[in-house]
Amino acid sequence: MKDLVSFLVKSLVDHPEEVEVMALEGRKSVLVEVSVKKDDMGKVIGRKGRLIKAIRELSRAAGIKSRKKVIVELLPLEE
């Protein structure tokens, strides 16, 4: 799951080397925290939130195979 989200986000931003992805797995869920630079937040969110919504939907669909609920959180990178 982490690899999928990382690939999608890194392909959208101007600074892919600054992207940090952390996955916390529980028994029935996976929390994926994505940190990007403040300049790249808009590129990941997209117009009216369409891109982040698409990333979340793809992650949920991939999580169905492992029977886990996937939650994707977008955070600004702390400098």
Protein backbone atom coordinates (compact mmCIF):
# COMPACT_ATOMS: atom_id res chain seq x y z
CA MET A 1 0.00 0.00 0.00
CA LYS A 2 2.81 2.34 0.94
CA ASP A 3 4.52 1.76 -2.41
CA LEU A 4 1.36 2.49 -4.39
CA VAL A 5 0.67 5.78 -2.61
CA SER A 6 4.34 6.77 -2.79
CA PHE A 7 4.46 6.15 -6.54
CA LEU A 8 1.28 8.13 -7.18
CA VAL A 9 2.27 11.13 -5.07
CA LYS A 10 5.88 11.28 -6.30
CA SER A 11 4.67 11.36 -9.90
CA LEU A 12 2.57 14.46 -9.14
CA VAL A 13 4.94 16.74 -7.21
CA ASP A 14 7.85 18.96 -8.24
CA HIS A 15 10.08 17.69 -5.41
CA PRO A 16 9.67 13.88 -5.32
CA GLU A 17 12.77 13.48 -3.14
CA GLU A 18 11.00 15.46 -0.38
CA VAL A 19 7.99 13.11 -0.20
CA GLU A 20 7.74 11.03 2.96
CA VAL A 21 5.29 8.13 3.20
CA MET A 22 4.68 6.24 6.42
CA ALA A 23 2.29 3.31 6.82
CA LEU A 24 0.89 2.14 10.15
CA GLU A 25 -0.77 -1.25 9.90
CA GLY A 26 -3.40 -2.41 12.31
CA ARG A 27 -5.43 -5.58 12.40
CA LYS A 28 -8.21 -4.36 10.11
CA SER A 29 -6.85 -1.09 8.74
CA VAL A 30 -3.83 0.67 7.30
CA LEU A 31 -3.11 4.35 7.92
CA VAL A 32 -0.89 5.89 5.25
CA GLU A 33 0.52 9.31 6.12
CA VAL A 34 1.94 11.29 3.21
CA SER A 35 4.08 14.36 3.89
CA VAL A 36 4.92 16.77 1.06
CA LYS A 37 6.34 20.28 0.86
CA LYS A 38 3.82 23.08 1.28
CA ASP A 39 4.46 24.15 -2.33
CA ASP A 40 3.37 20.72 -3.56
CA MET A 41 0.23 20.37 -1.41
CA GLY A 42 -1.99 21.88 -4.11
CA LYS A 43 -0.63 19.54 -6.76
CA VAL A 44 -1.50 16.49 -4.67
CA ILE A 45 -4.91 17.80 -3.61
CA GLY A 46 -5.89 18.86 -7.12
CA ARG A 47 -8.78 20.97 -8.21
CA LYS A 48 -11.65 20.63 -5.74
CA GLY A 49 -9.79 17.72 -4.10
CA ARG A 50 -10.14 15.42 -7.07
CA LEU A 51 -6.59 14.06 -7.10
CA ILE A 52 -6.38 13.20 -3.40
CA LYS A 53 -9.82 11.65 -3.65
CA ALA A 54 -8.64 9.49 -6.56
CA ILE A 55 -5.52 8.43 -4.62
CA ARG A 56 -7.72 7.46 -1.66
CA GLU A 57 -10.09 5.48 -3.89
CA LEU A 58 -7.23 3.58 -5.56
CA SER A 59 -5.78 2.79 -2.14
CA ARG A 60 -9.12 1.55 -0.85
CA ALA A 61 -9.53 -0.64 -3.92
CA ALA A 62 -6.06 -2.13 -3.40
CA GLY A 63 -6.89 -2.70 0.28
CA ILE A 64 -9.91 -4.83 -0.58
CA LYS A 65 -7.61 -7.65 -1.66
CA SER A 66 -6.06 -7.82 1.82
CA ARG A 67 -9.42 -7.12 3.51
CA LYS A 68 -8.16 -3.96 5.18
CA LYS A 69 -9.58 -0.48 5.31
CA VAL A 70 -7.06 2.04 3.96
CA ILE A 71 -6.94 5.62 5.20
CA VAL A 72 -4.70 8.15 3.40
CA GLU A 73 -3.80 11.36 5.23
CA LEU A 74 -1.98 14.26 3.55
CA LEU A 75 0.27 16.34 5.79
CA PRO A 76 2.58 19.30 5.18
CA LEU A 77 6.26 18.45 5.52
CA GLU A 78 7.76 19.87 8.70
CA GLU A 79 11.02 21.64 8.00
